[in-house]
Amino acid sequence: MTNTPTYKVVFYNQNQVYEVYARAIYQSDMYGFIEVEEFLFGERTALVVDPAEEKLKREFDGVKRSYIPMHSIIRIDEVEREGSVKVTELKGDKVAQFPYPAAPNKSE
């Protein structure tokens, strides 16, 4: 039996930092995106309910594959086992995205 890898993906989204776990991650055919599949969340049998985990479960409910822009990725780690998912609200300007390329001037 082969051991299926587990990945921890940390990315920036709308002034929040998401930390999620998934089984499959690869570069997308769409230029500039990373594809994340098979999201992993904790067991529903747990007595303690984590509001952040519940929020992410609802947000990714029914999502087969997520395309995350490369410039939003903070870190991807291959880990031994999944941990708890997190959403961290950013205060101030601690994380900045890479600038987008300038739009071409149409008058030229």
Protein backbone atom coordinates (compact mmCIF):
# COMPACT_ATOMS: atom_id res chain seq x y z
CA MET A 1 0.00 0.00 0.00
CA THR A 2 1.42 3.38 -0.99
CA ASN A 3 1.40 6.24 1.47
CA THR A 4 -0.68 9.12 0.08
CA PRO A 5 0.97 12.49 0.78
CA THR A 6 -0.78 15.22 2.76
CA TYR A 7 -0.07 18.86 1.99
CA LYS A 8 -0.53 21.94 4.14
CA VAL A 9 -1.31 24.98 1.98
CA VAL A 10 -1.08 28.48 3.45
CA PHE A 11 -2.42 31.27 1.25
CA TYR A 12 -3.64 34.86 1.39
CA ASN A 13 -7.29 35.62 0.53
CA GLN A 14 -9.14 38.91 1.11
CA ASN A 15 -7.14 40.14 4.13
CA GLN A 16 -7.11 36.67 5.69
CA VAL A 17 -4.55 33.88 5.78
CA TYR A 18 -6.02 30.41 5.16
CA GLU A 19 -4.26 27.24 6.29
CA VAL A 20 -5.84 24.14 4.72
CA TYR A 21 -4.87 20.52 4.14
CA ALA A 22 -5.25 18.60 0.89
CA ARG A 23 -4.21 15.36 -0.80
CA ALA A 24 -3.40 16.68 -4.29
CA ILE A 25 -1.61 19.87 -5.35
CA TYR A 26 -0.14 20.69 -8.73
CA GLN A 27 0.53 23.51 -11.18
CA SER A 28 -2.55 24.31 -13.21
CA ASP A 29 -2.82 24.43 -16.98
CA MET A 30 -4.20 27.93 -16.39
CA TYR A 31 -1.08 30.08 -16.24
CA GLY A 32 -0.32 31.46 -12.78
CA PHE A 33 -2.54 29.15 -10.71
CA ILE A 34 -2.00 26.20 -8.37
CA GLU A 35 -4.70 23.51 -8.29
CA VAL A 36 -5.68 22.11 -4.91
CA GLU A 37 -7.87 18.99 -4.70
CA GLU A 38 -9.27 16.66 -2.03
CA PHE A 39 -9.47 19.04 0.91
CA LEU A 40 -9.10 17.40 4.33
CA PHE A 41 -11.06 18.48 7.38
CA GLY A 42 -11.28 17.05 10.91
CA GLU A 43 -13.72 14.36 11.92
CA ARG A 44 -17.31 15.41 12.57
CA THR A 45 -17.42 13.09 15.59
CA ALA A 46 -15.26 15.45 17.65
CA LEU A 47 -17.00 16.97 20.67
CA VAL A 48 -15.28 20.34 20.37
CA VAL A 49 -16.36 22.38 17.36
CA ASP A 50 -13.84 24.82 15.91
CA PRO A 51 -15.64 27.81 14.32
CA ALA A 52 -12.78 28.44 11.85
CA GLU A 53 -12.89 24.84 10.66
CA GLU A 54 -16.66 24.96 10.30
CA LYS A 55 -16.38 28.18 8.28
CA LEU A 56 -13.85 26.57 5.91
CA LYS A 57 -15.93 23.40 5.60
CA ARG A 58 -18.91 25.51 4.49
CA GLU A 59 -16.78 27.62 2.16
CA PHE A 60 -15.25 24.57 0.43
CA ASP A 61 -18.37 22.39 0.60
CA GLY A 62 -18.93 20.84 -2.81
CA VAL A 63 -15.63 22.17 -4.19
CA LYS A 64 -13.95 19.53 -6.32
CA ARG A 65 -10.89 21.62 -7.21
CA SER A 66 -9.73 25.08 -6.18
CA TYR A 67 -7.49 27.31 -8.30
CA ILE A 68 -5.34 29.57 -6.14
CA PRO A 69 -3.24 32.32 -7.76
CA MET A 70 0.49 31.65 -7.34
CA HIS A 71 1.07 35.15 -5.95
CA SER A 72 -1.38 34.37 -3.09
CA ILE A 73 0.48 31.23 -1.97
CA ILE A 74 2.56 31.82 1.14
CA ARG A 75 3.77 28.27 1.70
CA ILE A 76 3.13 24.62 0.75
CA ASP A 77 4.45 21.83 3.00
CA GLU A 78 4.21 18.07 2.69
CA VAL A 79 3.31 16.88 6.20
CA GLU A 80 3.01 13.53 7.98
CA ARG A 81 -0.64 14.04 8.94
CA GLU A 82 -3.28 16.72 8.78
CA GLY A 83 -3.73 19.30 11.51
CA SER A 84 -6.48 21.73 12.25
CA VAL A 85 -7.39 24.21 9.54
CA LYS A 86 -7.13 27.90 10.36
CA VAL A 87 -8.27 31.29 9.17
CA THR A 88 -6.28 34.22 10.53
CA GLU A 89 -7.48 37.79 10.14
CA LEU A 90 -4.65 40.17 9.21
CA LYS A 91 -4.29 43.39 11.12
CA GLY A 92 -2.34 46.13 9.40
CA ASP A 93 -0.18 45.63 6.32
CA LYS A 94 1.82 42.58 7.39
CA VAL A 95 1.31 40.61 4.18
CA ALA A 96 1.46 42.17 0.74
CA GLN A 97 0.73 40.44 -2.53
CA PHE A 98 3.11 40.66 -5.44
CA PRO A 99 2.08 43.50 -7.72
CA TYR A 100 0.10 42.66 -10.82
CA PRO A 101 1.65 43.46 -14.19
CA ALA A 102 0.68 46.90 -15.45
CA ALA A 103 -2.11 46.95 -18.00
CA PRO A 104 -0.92 47.89 -21.49
CA ASN A 105 -1.63 51.45 -22.58
CA LYS A 106 -4.36 51.25 -25.24
CA SER A 107 -3.45 54.61 -26.77
CA GLU A 108 -0.22 53.23 -28.23
